[in-house]
Amino acid sequence: MLVLVAPGQGAQTPGFLTPWLELPGATDRLAAWSDAIGLDLAHYGTQADADEIRDTAVAQPLLVAAGILSASALGEVAPGAVAGHSVGEITAAAFAGVLDDTAALTLVRKRGLAMADAAAITQTGMSALLGGEPETVVPHLEKLELTPANVNGAGQIVAAGTMEQLAALEAEKPEGVRRVVALKVAGAFHTHHMAPAVDTLRAAAAELTSADPRVTYVSNKDGQAVATGAEVLSRLVGQVANPVRWDLCMQTFKELGVTALIEVCPGGTLTGLAKRALPGVKTLALKTPDDLDAARELIAEASTPAADAAGA
């Protein structure tokens, strides 16, 4: 069974969208999305520097656009399940048919602006802790008044809070943690610091028309599959101020019988986690169009057992 996943904020790098715009129709699609949301996605994806694309209001729509664009380049794909990490959940909602592409970009543009406004209230950030056990790490974070904002599994938890709290974490690492790595994000996402964005996002979601997922949609809230479009939207709204449980998402992938996982552009982070947490599962990260042929081969391989079973 194939799982299609979309990365979250921090995966973007300067110029990462450049090779994708060489694909037929890509420039026109990006231009249409840019007009719809009032943001020059082509400029930010090809010419902007690291500081410009670190801006939450820019990074989030850029990542969703890249995810949709790269997934569509695969052709007709029928994954067994879809999921996204943080803002990647909106990309996954487009994969599942919950939102059309323009609605997904419209929602993420408003999400990014609202979260940027919330982040501006207090100087905050996020840091990844590599190593350590959750039963040791989480109490340590709570002692420092930090939030375990992303519980990613595979020995990785992301802490979020004020810059002072993160500095204290760097100075006093939990037992077993090898490194503390500051992330390329501009706020303490998935914490109480994002509460001001929730009402804005709720109003934005209310203006959209959603459909029920065409494939299994796995939620960051608790790793559970969500059956209705209305519930997907509700969870997308609340998730901005609540922790991401990617560890539970991967547990659900395992229970569903995942055999292959493809991470859309700019892939790498989630495939890295899957390699450690889902041994035996074949993974592939879409970084450039050069990865498309290998991805199509993996899709064909993952779909073969299902086809054989149907024939039997």
C-alpha atoms as a PDB file:
ATOM      1  CA  MET A   1       0.000   0.000   0.000  1.00  0.00           C
ATOM      2  CA  LEU A   2       1.240   3.448  -0.962  1.00  0.00           C
ATOM      3  CA  VAL A   3       1.087   6.455   1.391  1.00  0.00           C
ATOM      4  CA  LEU A   4       1.526   9.937  -0.087  1.00  0.00           C
ATOM      5  CA  VAL A   5       2.783  12.539   2.399  1.00  0.00           C
ATOM      6  CA  ALA A   6       3.524  16.276   2.362  1.00  0.00           C
ATOM      7  CA  PRO A   7       6.212  18.054   4.423  1.00  0.00           C
ATOM      8  CA  GLY A   8       5.737  20.993   6.756  1.00  0.00           C
ATOM      9  CA  GLN A   9       7.330  24.383   7.229  1.00  0.00           C
ATOM     10  CA  GLY A  10      11.098  24.417   7.340  1.00  0.00           C
ATOM     11  CA  ALA A  11      11.456  22.074   4.353  1.00  0.00           C
ATOM     12  CA  GLN A  12      11.746  24.985   1.914  1.00  0.00           C
ATOM     13  CA  THR A  13      15.120  26.079   0.507  1.00  0.00           C
ATOM     14  CA  PRO A  14      15.992  28.940  -1.878  1.00  0.00           C
ATOM     15  CA  GLY A  15      15.250  28.105  -5.509  1.00  0.00           C
ATOM     16  CA  PHE A  16      13.735  24.693  -4.776  1.00  0.00           C
ATOM     17  CA  LEU A  17      10.822  25.249  -7.151  1.00  0.00           C
ATOM     18  CA  THR A  18      12.992  26.215 -10.161  1.00  0.00           C
ATOM     19  CA  PRO A  19      13.271  22.805 -11.878  1.00  0.00           C
ATOM     20  CA  TRP A  20       9.569  22.075 -11.390  1.00  0.00           C
ATOM     21  CA  LEU A  21       8.600  25.113 -13.457  1.00  0.00           C
ATOM     22  CA  GLU A  22      10.211  23.491 -16.484  1.00  0.00           C
ATOM     23  CA  LEU A  23       7.407  20.906 -16.574  1.00  0.00           C
ATOM     24  CA  PRO A  24       4.596  21.488 -19.109  1.00  0.00           C
ATOM     25  CA  GLY A  25       1.880  23.763 -17.747  1.00  0.00           C
ATOM     26  CA  ALA A  26       3.587  24.311 -14.378  1.00  0.00           C
ATOM     27  CA  THR A  27       4.296  28.011 -14.896  1.00  0.00           C
ATOM     28  CA  ASP A  28       0.685  28.688 -15.914  1.00  0.00           C
ATOM     29  CA  ARG A  29      -0.719  26.810 -12.913  1.00  0.00           C
ATOM     30  CA  LEU A  30       1.546  28.658 -10.523  1.00  0.00           C
ATOM     31  CA  ALA A  31       0.619  31.994 -12.103  1.00  0.00           C
ATOM     32  CA  ALA A  32      -3.097  31.237 -11.681  1.00  0.00           C
ATOM     33  CA  TRP A  33      -2.615  30.300  -8.024  1.00  0.00           C
ATOM     34  CA  SER A  34      -0.517  33.423  -7.473  1.00  0.00           C
ATOM     35  CA  ASP A  35      -3.287  35.599  -8.879  1.00  0.00           C
ATOM     36  CA  ALA A  36      -5.866  33.842  -6.720  1.00  0.00           C
ATOM     37  CA  ILE A  37      -4.016  34.423  -3.439  1.00  0.00           C
ATOM     38  CA  GLY A  38      -2.132  37.644  -4.151  1.00  0.00           C
ATOM     39  CA  LEU A  39       1.360  36.177  -3.748  1.00  0.00           C
ATOM     40  CA  ASP A  40       4.034  35.722  -6.436  1.00  0.00           C
ATOM     41  CA  LEU A  41       4.766  32.039  -5.864  1.00  0.00           C
ATOM     42  CA  ALA A  42       7.155  31.778  -8.815  1.00  0.00           C
ATOM     43  CA  HIS A  43       9.338  34.576  -7.460  1.00  0.00           C
ATOM     44  CA  TYR A  44       9.489  33.117  -3.965  1.00  0.00           C
ATOM     45  CA  GLY A  45      10.095  29.596  -5.226  1.00  0.00           C
ATOM     46  CA  THR A  46      12.889  30.512  -7.626  1.00  0.00           C
ATOM     47  CA  GLN A  47      14.523  33.847  -6.744  1.00  0.00           C
ATOM     48  CA  ALA A  48      13.870  34.682  -3.072  1.00  0.00           C
ATOM     49  CA  ASP A  49      16.557  34.138  -0.461  1.00  0.00           C
ATOM     50  CA  ALA A  50      16.346  32.052   2.720  1.00  0.00           C
ATOM     51  CA  ASP A  51      15.154  34.924   4.888  1.00  0.00           C
ATOM     52  CA  GLU A  52      12.324  35.821   2.508  1.00  0.00           C
ATOM     53  CA  ILE A  53      10.974  32.279   2.368  1.00  0.00           C
ATOM     54  CA  ARG A  54      11.308  31.812   6.123  1.00  0.00           C
ATOM     55  CA  ASP A  55       8.419  34.271   6.467  1.00  0.00           C
ATOM     56  CA  THR A  56       5.444  32.177   7.577  1.00  0.00           C
ATOM     57  CA  ALA A  57       3.049  34.038   5.285  1.00  0.00           C
ATOM     58  CA  VAL A  58       5.239  33.080   2.315  1.00  0.00           C
ATOM     59  CA  ALA A  59       6.558  29.650   3.297  1.00  0.00           C
ATOM     60  CA  GLN A  60       3.207  28.013   3.897  1.00  0.00           C
ATOM     61  CA  PRO A  61       1.506  28.717   0.528  1.00  0.00           C
ATOM     62  CA  LEU A  62       4.811  28.033  -1.227  1.00  0.00           C
ATOM     63  CA  LEU A  63       5.027  24.559   0.316  1.00  0.00           C
ATOM     64  CA  VAL A  64       1.416  23.679  -0.496  1.00  0.00           C
ATOM     65  CA  ALA A  65       1.837  24.860  -4.092  1.00  0.00           C
ATOM     66  CA  ALA A  66       5.026  22.816  -4.460  1.00  0.00           C
ATOM     67  CA  GLY A  67       3.358  19.732  -3.017  1.00  0.00           C
ATOM     68  CA  ILE A  68       0.346  19.904  -5.313  1.00  0.00           C
ATOM     69  CA  LEU A  69       2.503  20.671  -8.357  1.00  0.00           C
ATOM     70  CA  SER A  70       4.921  17.798  -7.760  1.00  0.00           C
ATOM     71  CA  ALA A  71       2.165  15.294  -6.952  1.00  0.00           C
ATOM     72  CA  SER A  72       0.284  16.157 -10.135  1.00  0.00           C
ATOM     73  CA  ALA A  73       3.474  15.509 -12.117  1.00  0.00           C
ATOM     74  CA  LEU A  74       3.265  11.862 -11.038  1.00  0.00           C
ATOM     75  CA  GLY A  75       0.126  11.392 -13.144  1.00  0.00           C
ATOM     76  CA  GLU A  76      -2.839   9.384 -11.937  1.00  0.00           C
ATOM     77  CA  VAL A  77      -2.025   8.118  -8.451  1.00  0.00           C
ATOM     78  CA  ALA A  78      -4.370   6.239  -6.126  1.00  0.00           C
ATOM     79  CA  PRO A  79      -2.613   6.077  -2.756  1.00  0.00           C
ATOM     80  CA  GLY A  80      -4.015   3.977   0.047  1.00  0.00           C
ATOM     81  CA  ALA A  81      -3.677   6.923   2.418  1.00  0.00           C
ATOM     82  CA  VAL A  82      -2.515  10.528   2.523  1.00  0.00           C
ATOM     83  CA  ALA A  83      -1.201  12.747   5.308  1.00  0.00           C
ATOM     84  CA  GLY A  84       0.781  15.922   5.777  1.00  0.00           C
ATOM     85  CA  HIS A  85       2.951  17.295   8.543  1.00  0.00           C
ATOM     86  CA  SER A  86       1.591  20.577   9.942  1.00  0.00           C
ATOM     87  CA  VAL A  87       0.852  22.844   6.944  1.00  0.00           C
ATOM     88  CA  GLY A  88       1.315  19.736   4.793  1.00  0.00           C
ATOM     89  CA  GLU A  89      -2.108  18.654   6.056  1.00  0.00           C
ATOM     90  CA  ILE A  90      -3.627  21.219   3.683  1.00  0.00           C
ATOM     91  CA  THR A  91      -1.617  19.725   0.820  1.00  0.00           C
ATOM     92  CA  ALA A  92      -2.938  16.306   1.832  1.00  0.00           C
ATOM     93  CA  ALA A  93      -6.491  17.678   1.883  1.00  0.00           C
ATOM     94  CA  ALA A  94      -6.006  18.606  -1.781  1.00  0.00           C
ATOM     95  CA  PHE A  95      -4.622  15.106  -2.533  1.00  0.00           C
ATOM     96  CA  ALA A  96      -7.719  13.571  -0.934  1.00  0.00           C
ATOM     97  CA  GLY A  97     -10.135  15.822  -2.827  1.00  0.00           C
ATOM     98  CA  VAL A  98     -11.368  17.509   0.361  1.00  0.00           C
ATOM     99  CA  LEU A  99     -10.413  20.879  -1.155  1.00  0.00           C
ATOM    100  CA  ASP A 100      -9.720  21.801  -4.751  1.00  0.00           C
ATOM    101  CA  ASP A 101      -6.293  23.259  -5.478  1.00  0.00           C
ATOM    102  CA  THR A 102      -7.352  26.912  -5.411  1.00  0.00           C
ATOM    103  CA  ALA A 103      -9.319  26.456  -2.175  1.00  0.00           C
ATOM    104  CA  ALA A 104      -6.305  24.786  -0.563  1.00  0.00           C
ATOM    105  CA  LEU A 105      -4.037  27.681  -1.597  1.00  0.00           C
ATOM    106  CA  THR A 106      -6.611  30.224  -0.433  1.00  0.00           C
ATOM    107  CA  LEU A 107      -6.869  28.578   2.980  1.00  0.00           C
ATOM    108  CA  VAL A 108      -3.128  28.236   3.445  1.00  0.00           C
ATOM    109  CA  ARG A 109      -2.525  31.848   2.460  1.00  0.00           C
ATOM    110  CA  LYS A 110      -4.904  32.986   5.204  1.00  0.00           C
ATOM    111  CA  ARG A 111      -3.362  30.447   7.604  1.00  0.00           C
ATOM    112  CA  GLY A 112       0.126  31.753   6.954  1.00  0.00           C
ATOM    113  CA  LEU A 113      -0.881  35.382   7.435  1.00  0.00           C
ATOM    114  CA  ALA A 114      -2.787  34.626  10.647  1.00  0.00           C
ATOM    115  CA  MET A 115       0.058  32.566  12.107  1.00  0.00           C
ATOM    116  CA  ALA A 116       2.600  35.233  11.146  1.00  0.00           C
ATOM    117  CA  ASP A 117       0.504  37.818  12.986  1.00  0.00           C
ATOM    118  CA  ALA A 118       0.292  35.543  16.029  1.00  0.00           C
ATOM    119  CA  ALA A 119       4.039  34.918  15.929  1.00  0.00           C
ATOM    120  CA  ALA A 120       4.731  38.655  15.886  1.00  0.00           C
ATOM    121  CA  ILE A 121       3.165  39.100  19.331  1.00  0.00           C
ATOM    122  CA  THR A 122       6.070  37.386  21.126  1.00  0.00           C
ATOM    123  CA  GLN A 123       9.475  36.342  19.798  1.00  0.00           C
ATOM    124  CA  THR A 124       9.218  32.571  19.619  1.00  0.00           C
ATOM    125  CA  GLY A 125      10.683  29.634  17.738  1.00  0.00           C
ATOM    126  CA  MET A 126      11.108  25.872  17.506  1.00  0.00           C
ATOM    127  CA  SER A 127      14.005  23.458  17.976  1.00  0.00           C
ATOM    128  CA  ALA A 128      14.298  19.772  17.133  1.00  0.00           C
ATOM    129  CA  LEU A 129      15.678  17.428  19.782  1.00  0.00           C
ATOM    130  CA  LEU A 130      17.547  14.480  18.313  1.00  0.00           C
ATOM    131  CA  GLY A 131      17.647  11.424  20.537  1.00  0.00           C
ATOM    132  CA  GLY A 132      16.162  10.836  23.955  1.00  0.00           C
ATOM    133  CA  GLU A 133      13.025   9.043  25.041  1.00  0.00           C
ATOM    134  CA  PRO A 134       9.624  10.806  25.198  1.00  0.00           C
ATOM    135  CA  GLU A 135       9.109   9.864  28.861  1.00  0.00           C
ATOM    136  CA  THR A 136      12.326  11.754  29.668  1.00  0.00           C
ATOM    137  CA  VAL A 137      12.174  14.564  27.124  1.00  0.00           C
ATOM    138  CA  VAL A 138       8.570  15.706  27.609  1.00  0.00           C
ATOM    139  CA  PRO A 139       8.797  16.322  31.397  1.00  0.00           C
ATOM    140  CA  HIS A 140      12.057  18.201  30.820  1.00  0.00           C
ATOM    141  CA  LEU A 141      10.373  20.458  28.264  1.00  0.00           C
ATOM    142  CA  GLU A 142       7.465  21.073  30.596  1.00  0.00           C
ATOM    143  CA  LYS A 143       9.901  22.036  33.354  1.00  0.00           C
ATOM    144  CA  LEU A 144      11.313  24.705  31.020  1.00  0.00           C
ATOM    145  CA  GLU A 145       7.743  25.759  30.081  1.00  0.00           C
ATOM    146  CA  LEU A 146       8.272  24.580  26.511  1.00  0.00           C
ATOM    147  CA  THR A 147       5.679  22.677  24.464  1.00  0.00           C
ATOM    148  CA  PRO A 148       6.424  19.363  22.684  1.00  0.00           C
ATOM    149  CA  ALA A 149       4.846  20.838  19.551  1.00  0.00           C
ATOM    150  CA  ASN A 150       5.799  18.021  17.160  1.00  0.00           C
ATOM    151  CA  VAL A 151       6.112  14.460  18.424  1.00  0.00           C
ATOM    152  CA  ASN A 152       7.636  13.008  15.279  1.00  0.00           C
ATOM    153  CA  GLY A 153       8.656   9.538  16.361  1.00  0.00           C
ATOM    154  CA  ALA A 154      11.969   7.953  15.368  1.00  0.00           C
ATOM    155  CA  GLY A 155      13.691   9.686  18.285  1.00  0.00           C
ATOM    156  CA  GLN A 156      12.657  13.224  17.378  1.00  0.00           C
ATOM    157  CA  ILE A 157      10.573  15.737  19.304  1.00  0.00           C
ATOM    158  CA  VAL A 158      10.300  19.422  18.387  1.00  0.00           C
ATOM    159  CA  ALA A 159      10.090  21.911  21.239  1.00  0.00           C
ATOM    160  CA  ALA A 160       8.425  25.307  20.855  1.00  0.00           C
ATOM    161  CA  GLY A 161       8.333  28.416  22.986  1.00  0.00           C
ATOM    162  CA  THR A 162      10.010  31.755  23.566  1.00  0.00           C
ATOM    163  CA  MET A 163      13.586  32.319  22.478  1.00  0.00           C
ATOM    164  CA  GLU A 164      14.618  32.531  26.120  1.00  0.00           C
ATOM    165  CA  GLN A 165      13.054  29.153  26.844  1.00  0.00           C
ATOM    166  CA  LEU A 166      14.763  27.630  23.803  1.00  0.00           C
ATOM    167  CA  ALA A 167      18.100  29.063  24.910  1.00  0.00           C
ATOM    168  CA  ALA A 168      17.591  27.404  28.290  1.00  0.00           C
ATOM    169  CA  LEU A 169      16.940  24.114  26.484  1.00  0.00           C
ATOM    170  CA  GLU A 170      20.175  24.450  24.524  1.00  0.00           C
ATOM    171  CA  ALA A 171      22.028  25.017  27.780  1.00  0.00           C
ATOM    172  CA  GLU A 172      20.271  22.169  29.597  1.00  0.00           C
ATOM    173  CA  LYS A 173      19.519  19.291  27.238  1.00  0.00           C
ATOM    174  CA  PRO A 174      17.338  16.402  28.437  1.00  0.00           C
ATOM    175  CA  GLU A 175      19.074  13.134  29.190  1.00  0.00           C
ATOM    176  CA  GLY A 176      19.784  11.154  26.023  1.00  0.00           C
ATOM    177  CA  VAL A 177      19.388  14.087  23.614  1.00  0.00           C
ATOM    178  CA  ARG A 178      22.393  14.321  21.292  1.00  0.00           C
ATOM    179  CA  ARG A 179      21.633  17.638  19.623  1.00  0.00           C
ATOM    180  CA  VAL A 180      19.217  20.560  19.728  1.00  0.00           C
ATOM    181  CA  VAL A 181      18.709  22.044  16.255  1.00  0.00           C
ATOM    182  CA  ALA A 182      16.955  25.382  15.689  1.00  0.00           C
ATOM    183  CA  LEU A 183      14.374  25.119  12.890  1.00  0.00           C
ATOM    184  CA  LYS A 184      13.860  27.525   9.985  1.00  0.00           C
ATOM    185  CA  VAL A 185      10.480  28.739  11.233  1.00  0.00           C
ATOM    186  CA  ALA A 186       9.349  32.102  12.546  1.00  0.00           C
ATOM    187  CA  GLY A 187       7.202  31.158  15.517  1.00  0.00           C
ATOM    188  CA  ALA A 188       6.130  28.606  18.123  1.00  0.00           C
ATOM    189  CA  PHE A 189       3.654  26.760  15.923  1.00  0.00           C
ATOM    190  CA  HIS A 190       1.219  24.232  17.385  1.00  0.00           C
ATOM    191  CA  THR A 191       1.297  25.878  20.818  1.00  0.00           C
ATOM    192  CA  HIS A 192      -0.833  28.334  22.780  1.00  0.00           C
ATOM    193  CA  HIS A 193       1.166  31.125  21.099  1.00  0.00           C
ATOM    194  CA  MET A 194      -0.867  30.413  17.939  1.00  0.00           C
ATOM    195  CA  ALA A 195      -4.273  30.718  19.640  1.00  0.00           C
ATOM    196  CA  PRO A 196      -4.958  34.160  18.070  1.00  0.00           C
ATOM    197  CA  ALA A 197      -4.843  32.529  14.616  1.00  0.00           C
ATOM    198  CA  VAL A 198      -7.544  29.964  15.337  1.00  0.00           C
ATOM    199  CA  ASP A 199     -10.558  32.278  15.022  1.00  0.00           C
ATOM    200  CA  THR A 200      -9.214  33.768  11.788  1.00  0.00           C
ATOM    201  CA  LEU A 201      -8.690  30.331  10.316  1.00  0.00           C
ATOM    202  CA  ARG A 202     -12.119  29.143  11.454  1.00  0.00           C
ATOM    203  CA  ALA A 203     -13.754  32.034   9.597  1.00  0.00           C
ATOM    204  CA  ALA A 204     -11.673  31.286   6.489  1.00  0.00           C
ATOM    205  CA  ALA A 205     -12.606  27.598   6.570  1.00  0.00           C
ATOM    206  CA  ALA A 206     -16.307  28.465   6.887  1.00  0.00           C
ATOM    207  CA  GLU A 207     -16.149  30.158   3.480  1.00  0.00           C
ATOM    208  CA  LEU A 208     -14.937  27.003   1.731  1.00  0.00           C
ATOM    209  CA  THR A 209     -16.813  24.076   0.246  1.00  0.00           C
ATOM    210  CA  SER A 210     -15.350  20.724   1.209  1.00  0.00           C
ATOM    211  CA  ALA A 211     -15.902  17.154   0.032  1.00  0.00           C
ATOM    212  CA  ASP A 212     -15.402  13.915   1.904  1.00  0.00           C
ATOM    213  CA  PRO A 213     -11.935  12.369   1.395  1.00  0.00           C
ATOM    214  CA  ARG A 214     -11.638  10.071  -1.622  1.00  0.00           C
ATOM    215  CA  VAL A 215      -8.835   8.154   0.109  1.00  0.00           C
ATOM    216  CA  THR A 216      -7.915   7.563   3.741  1.00  0.00           C
ATOM    217  CA  TYR A 217      -6.916  10.906   5.275  1.00  0.00           C
ATOM    218  CA  VAL A 218      -4.760  10.556   8.407  1.00  0.00           C
ATOM    219  CA  SER A 219      -4.873  13.461  10.858  1.00  0.00           C
ATOM    220  CA  ASN A 220      -2.019  15.041  12.834  1.00  0.00           C
ATOM    221  CA  LYS A 221      -4.295  15.429  15.842  1.00  0.00           C
ATOM    222  CA  ASP A 222      -4.282  11.774  16.859  1.00  0.00           C
ATOM    223  CA  GLY A 223      -3.122   9.754  13.867  1.00  0.00           C
ATOM    224  CA  GLN A 224      -6.686   8.679  13.134  1.00  0.00           C
ATOM    225  CA  ALA A 225      -8.380   8.472   9.752  1.00  0.00           C
ATOM    226  CA  VAL A 226     -10.983  11.196   9.175  1.00  0.00           C
ATOM    227  CA  ALA A 227     -14.072  10.299   7.147  1.00  0.00           C
ATOM    228  CA  THR A 228     -15.722  13.648   6.363  1.00  0.00           C
ATOM    229  CA  GLY A 229     -14.592  16.880   4.761  1.00  0.00           C
ATOM    230  CA  ALA A 230     -16.203  18.919   7.517  1.00  0.00           C
ATOM    231  CA  GLU A 231     -14.147  17.089  10.145  1.00  0.00           C
ATOM    232  CA  VAL A 232     -10.959  17.540   8.126  1.00  0.00           C
ATOM    233  CA  LEU A 233     -11.538  21.297   8.009  1.00  0.00           C
ATOM    234  CA  SER A 234     -12.342  21.413  11.711  1.00  0.00           C
ATOM    235  CA  ARG A 235      -9.102  19.624  12.519  1.00  0.00           C
ATOM    236  CA  LEU A 236      -7.080  21.871  10.207  1.00  0.00           C
ATOM    237  CA  VAL A 237      -8.355  24.872  12.147  1.00  0.00           C
ATOM    238  CA  GLY A 238      -7.616  23.513  15.622  1.00  0.00           C
ATOM    239  CA  GLN A 239      -4.279  21.985  14.701  1.00  0.00           C
ATOM    240  CA  VAL A 240      -2.468  25.332  14.423  1.00  0.00           C
ATOM    241  CA  ALA A 241      -2.547  25.633  18.240  1.00  0.00           C
ATOM    242  CA  ASN A 242      -2.163  21.938  19.137  1.00  0.00           C
ATOM    243  CA  PRO A 243       0.748  19.495  18.893  1.00  0.00           C
ATOM    244  CA  VAL A 244       1.458  17.479  15.750  1.00  0.00           C
ATOM    245  CA  ARG A 245       1.470  13.743  16.455  1.00  0.00           C
ATOM    246  CA  TRP A 246       3.362  12.457  13.446  1.00  0.00           C
ATOM    247  CA  ASP A 247       4.414   9.444  15.499  1.00  0.00           C
ATOM    248  CA  LEU A 248       0.762   8.375  15.661  1.00  0.00           C
ATOM    249  CA  CYS A 249       0.316   9.016  11.939  1.00  0.00           C
ATOM    250  CA  MET A 250       3.173   6.632  11.182  1.00  0.00           C
ATOM    251  CA  GLN A 251       1.686   4.082  13.557  1.00  0.00           C
ATOM    252  CA  THR A 252      -1.548   4.263  11.569  1.00  0.00           C
ATOM    253  CA  PHE A 253       0.373   3.828   8.301  1.00  0.00           C
ATOM    254  CA  LYS A 254       1.844   0.644   9.764  1.00  0.00           C
ATOM    255  CA  GLU A 255      -1.570  -0.617  10.843  1.00  0.00           C
ATOM    256  CA  LEU A 256      -2.957   0.077   7.371  1.00  0.00           C
ATOM    257  CA  GLY A 257      -0.212  -2.065   5.852  1.00  0.00           C
ATOM    258  CA  VAL A 258       2.007   0.551   4.227  1.00  0.00           C
ATOM    259  CA  THR A 259       4.659  -0.839   1.899  1.00  0.00           C
ATOM    260  CA  ALA A 260       5.761   2.358   0.151  1.00  0.00           C
ATOM    261  CA  LEU A 261       5.836   6.040   1.077  1.00  0.00           C
ATOM    262  CA  ILE A 262       6.398   8.976  -1.264  1.00  0.00           C
ATOM    263  CA  GLU A 263       7.015  12.470   0.103  1.00  0.00           C
ATOM    264  CA  VAL A 264       6.165  15.284  -2.307  1.00  0.00           C
ATOM    265  CA  CYS A 265       8.407  18.280  -2.980  1.00  0.00           C
ATOM    266  CA  PRO A 266      10.377  19.498  -1.074  1.00  0.00           C
ATOM    267  CA  GLY A 267      10.764  15.965   0.221  1.00  0.00           C
ATOM    268  CA  GLY A 268      13.304  14.565   2.647  1.00  0.00           C
ATOM    269  CA  THR A 269      12.223  15.182   6.234  1.00  0.00           C
ATOM    270  CA  LEU A 270       9.320  12.734   6.415  1.00  0.00           C
ATOM    271  CA  THR A 271      11.085  10.033   4.432  1.00  0.00           C
ATOM    272  CA  GLY A 272      13.962  10.308   6.918  1.00  0.00           C
ATOM    273  CA  LEU A 273      11.570   9.717   9.802  1.00  0.00           C
ATOM    274  CA  ALA A 274       9.896   6.826   7.973  1.00  0.00           C
ATOM    275  CA  LYS A 275      13.214   5.088   7.323  1.00  0.00           C
ATOM    276  CA  ARG A 276      13.805   4.915  11.063  1.00  0.00           C
ATOM    277  CA  ALA A 277      10.242   4.311  12.276  1.00  0.00           C
ATOM    278  CA  LEU A 278       8.903   2.097   9.457  1.00  0.00           C
ATOM    279  CA  PRO A 279      11.625  -0.447   8.668  1.00  0.00           C
ATOM    280  CA  GLY A 280      10.979  -2.407   5.517  1.00  0.00           C
ATOM    281  CA  VAL A 281       8.850   0.340   3.944  1.00  0.00           C
ATOM    282  CA  LYS A 282      10.266   1.670   0.676  1.00  0.00           C
ATOM    283  CA  THR A 283      10.538   5.451   0.696  1.00  0.00           C
ATOM    284  CA  LEU A 284      11.164   8.123  -1.894  1.00  0.00           C
ATOM    285  CA  ALA A 285      11.440  11.899  -1.577  1.00  0.00           C
ATOM    286  CA  LEU A 286      10.519  14.112  -4.511  1.00  0.00           C
ATOM    287  CA  LYS A 287      13.205  16.796  -4.610  1.00  0.00           C
ATOM    288  CA  THR A 288      13.392  17.546  -8.348  1.00  0.00           C
ATOM    289  CA  PRO A 289      11.642  16.225 -11.469  1.00  0.00           C
ATOM    290  CA  ASP A 290      14.592  13.829 -11.851  1.00  0.00           C
ATOM    291  CA  ASP A 291      12.939  11.779  -9.079  1.00  0.00           C
ATOM    292  CA  LEU A 292       9.662  11.293 -10.951  1.00  0.00           C
ATOM    293  CA  ASP A 293      10.582   8.147 -12.873  1.00  0.00           C
ATOM    294  CA  ALA A 294      11.717   6.358  -9.720  1.00  0.00           C
ATOM    295  CA  ALA A 295       8.544   7.497  -7.964  1.00  0.00           C
ATOM    296  CA  ARG A 296       6.359   6.126 -10.756  1.00  0.00           C
ATOM    297  CA  GLU A 297       8.176   2.801 -10.550  1.00  0.00           C
ATOM    298  CA  LEU A 298       7.556   2.675  -6.812  1.00  0.00           C
ATOM    299  CA  ILE A 299       3.881   3.521  -7.328  1.00  0.00           C
ATOM    300  CA  ALA A 300       3.530   0.694  -9.861  1.00  0.00           C
ATOM    301  CA  GLU A 301       5.281  -1.723  -7.520  1.00  0.00           C
ATOM    302  CA  ALA A 302       3.128  -0.723  -4.551  1.00  0.00           C
ATOM    303  CA  SER A 303      -0.090  -1.121  -6.533  1.00  0.00           C
ATOM    304  CA  THR A 304       0.728  -4.556  -7.928  1.00  0.00           C
ATOM    305  CA  PRO A 305      -0.271  -6.648  -4.852  1.00  0.00           C
ATOM    306  CA  ALA A 306      -3.638  -4.868  -4.667  1.00  0.00           C
ATOM    307  CA  ALA A 307      -4.230  -5.529  -8.338  1.00  0.00           C
ATOM    308  CA  ASP A 308      -3.309  -9.189  -7.930  1.00  0.00           C
ATOM    309  CA  ALA A 309      -5.647  -9.536  -4.965  1.00  0.00           C
ATOM    310  CA  ALA A 310      -8.494  -7.949  -6.906  1.00  0.00           C
ATOM    311  CA  GLY A 311      -7.887 -10.365  -9.787  1.00  0.00           C
ATOM    312  CA  ALA A 312      -7.953 -13.300  -7.427  1.00  0.00           C
END
